[in-house]
Structure formats: structure tokens, C-alpha cells
C-alpha atoms as a PDB file:
ATOM      1  CA  MET A   1       0.907  -4.331  -9.049  1.00  0.00           C
ATOM      2  CA  GLU A   2       3.973  -3.099 -10.867  1.00  0.00           C
ATOM      3  CA  GLU A   3       3.265  -5.373 -13.840  1.00  0.00           C
ATOM      4  CA  GLU A   4       0.118  -3.277 -14.414  1.00  0.00           C
ATOM      5  CA  ARG A   5       1.972   0.091 -14.407  1.00  0.00           C
ATOM      6  CA  SER A   6       0.646   1.195 -17.821  1.00  0.00           C
ATOM      7  CA  LYS A   7      -2.952   0.460 -16.736  1.00  0.00           C
ATOM      8  CA  ALA A   8      -2.363   2.322 -13.456  1.00  0.00           C
ATOM      9  CA  ILE A   9      -1.101   5.381 -15.331  1.00  0.00           C
ATOM     10  CA  GLU A  10      -4.034   5.225 -17.737  1.00  0.00           C
ATOM     11  CA  THR A  11      -6.591   5.083 -14.904  1.00  0.00           C
ATOM     12  CA  LYS A  12      -4.695   7.529 -12.657  1.00  0.00           C
ATOM     13  CA  HIS A  13      -4.076   4.940  -9.946  1.00  0.00           C
ATOM     14  CA  SER A  14      -0.920   3.907  -8.107  1.00  0.00           C
ATOM     15  CA  THR A  15       0.919   0.609  -8.128  1.00  0.00           C
ATOM     16  CA  THR A  16       1.952  -1.036  -4.886  1.00  0.00           C
ATOM     17  CA  LEU A  17       5.506   0.163  -5.437  1.00  0.00           C
ATOM     18  CA  ASP A  18       4.277   3.725  -6.048  1.00  0.00           C
ATOM     19  CA  ALA A  19       2.657   3.588  -2.615  1.00  0.00           C
ATOM     20  CA  ALA A  20       5.824   2.126  -1.081  1.00  0.00           C
ATOM     21  CA  ARG A  21       7.972   4.859  -2.641  1.00  0.00           C
ATOM     22  CA  MET A  22       5.669   7.533  -1.241  1.00  0.00           C
ATOM     23  CA  ALA A  23       5.748   5.945   2.216  1.00  0.00           C
ATOM     24  CA  GLN A  24       9.547   5.986   2.101  1.00  0.00           C
ATOM     25  CA  ALA A  25       9.640   9.584   0.856  1.00  0.00           C
ATOM     26  CA  VAL A  26       7.514  10.860   3.749  1.00  0.00           C
ATOM     27  CA  HIS A  27       9.200   8.596   6.330  1.00  0.00           C
ATOM     28  CA  ALA A  28       5.893   6.919   7.174  1.00  0.00           C
ATOM     29  CA  GLY A  29       5.832   4.576  10.120  1.00  0.00           C
ATOM     30  CA  LYS A  30       3.340   2.229   8.475  1.00  0.00           C
ATOM     31  CA  LEU A  31       1.676   1.860   5.083  1.00  0.00           C
ATOM     32  CA  LEU A  32      -1.871   0.569   4.685  1.00  0.00           C
ATOM     33  CA  ILE A  33      -2.698  -0.297   1.101  1.00  0.00           C
ATOM     34  CA  GLY A  34      -6.268  -0.560  -0.114  1.00  0.00           C
ATOM     35  CA  HIS A  35      -8.671   0.197  -2.964  1.00  0.00           C
ATOM     36  CA  PHE A  36      -7.737  -3.064  -4.682  1.00  0.00           C
ATOM     37  CA  SER A  37      -8.773  -3.848  -8.228  1.00  0.00           C
ATOM     38  CA  ALA A  38     -11.350  -6.629  -8.515  1.00  0.00           C
ATOM     39  CA  ARG A  39      -8.832  -8.467 -10.747  1.00  0.00           C
ATOM     40  CA  TYR A  40      -6.913  -9.416  -7.591  1.00  0.00           C
ATOM     41  CA  ARG A  41      -8.683 -12.339  -5.963  1.00  0.00           C
ATOM     42  CA  ASP A  42      -5.565 -13.156  -3.920  1.00  0.00           C
ATOM     43  CA  LEU A  43      -4.211 -10.048  -2.189  1.00  0.00           C
ATOM     44  CA  GLU A  44      -1.062 -11.692  -0.811  1.00  0.00           C
ATOM     45  CA  PRO A  45       1.038 -10.877  -3.928  1.00  0.00           C
ATOM     46  CA  LEU A  46       0.139  -7.192  -3.462  1.00  0.00           C
ATOM     47  CA  LEU A  47       1.396  -7.307   0.108  1.00  0.00           C
ATOM     48  CA  ILE A  48       4.570  -9.175  -0.843  1.00  0.00           C
ATOM     49  CA  GLU A  49       5.387  -6.729  -3.633  1.00  0.00           C
ATOM     50  CA  THR A  50       4.840  -3.688  -1.417  1.00  0.00           C
ATOM     51  CA  LYS A  51       6.826  -5.158   1.487  1.00  0.00           C
ATOM     52  CA  SER A  52       9.764  -5.710  -0.869  1.00  0.00           C
ATOM     53  CA  MET A  53      10.227  -1.931  -0.755  1.00  0.00           C
ATOM     54  CA  PHE A  54       8.470  -0.892   2.482  1.00  0.00           C
ATOM     55  CA  ALA A  55       8.473  -3.637   5.103  1.00  0.00           C
ATOM     56  CA  ASN A  56       5.928  -2.166   7.506  1.00  0.00           C
ATOM     57  CA  THR A  57       2.949  -2.568   5.173  1.00  0.00           C
ATOM     58  CA  ALA A  58      -0.471  -4.084   5.816  1.00  0.00           C
ATOM     59  CA  LEU A  59      -3.568  -4.631   3.702  1.00  0.00           C
ATOM     60  CA  ALA A  60      -6.448  -2.296   4.567  1.00  0.00           C
ATOM     61  CA  ILE A  61      -9.279  -4.805   4.616  1.00  0.00           C
ATOM     62  CA  GLU A  62     -12.870  -3.634   5.079  1.00  0.00           C
ATOM     63  CA  GLY A  63     -14.122  -4.460   8.552  1.00  0.00           C
ATOM     64  CA  ASN A  64     -10.652  -4.634  10.103  1.00  0.00           C
ATOM     65  CA  THR A  65      -9.607  -2.087  12.720  1.00  0.00           C
ATOM     66  CA  TYR A  66      -6.140  -0.555  12.696  1.00  0.00           C
ATOM     67  CA  THR A  67      -4.570   1.246  15.644  1.00  0.00           C
ATOM     68  CA  LEU A  68      -2.305   4.133  14.791  1.00  0.00           C
ATOM     69  CA  PRO A  69       0.272   5.380  17.265  1.00  0.00           C
ATOM     70  CA  HIS A  70      -0.575   8.632  18.972  1.00  0.00           C
ATOM     71  CA  GLU A  71       1.980  11.303  18.204  1.00  0.00           C
ATOM     72  CA  GLN A  72       2.914  13.307  21.257  1.00  0.00           C
ATOM     73  CA  ASN A  73       3.960  16.920  20.963  1.00  0.00           C
ATOM     74  CA  HIS A  74       6.792  17.869  23.282  1.00  0.00           C
END
């Protein structure tokens, strides 16, 4: 999360808002966030923080299946 920015920089990881900024920059249709630190027992705050900047965000949870839209070339 953003409150852990200095730790993220130190370990060369991204915060949730870093991921949201990147999704905005590339005009992504959806953002799946994953690779969560074990310090986060409750993942809901991660989702809330990310959605504050990029609404179409979901948690990438092991075992879940995600359907991505098929891009058609015209």
C-alpha cells in the first residue's frame, strides 16, 4: 500500500497506486493486482486503495479464473 512506499522502493516492488497509475497510463481496461506481501492478512484495503485511482481493479487470487476480453482486429 502507499503507506509502505519507502519499503516498496527498497525492495523494488510497486504500491497499489503505482499499479493504478500504470493502468491509467496505458489505458488498461482492467487491472488485476497480485503478489501480495504476507503482511496483508486482509486484502480488502489493497483493493479499496487501488480502486480509488483505477476503478476497474480486481484482486488476482490464486485458484480464481479471470476472463479477459478478446481483442478483435478490424
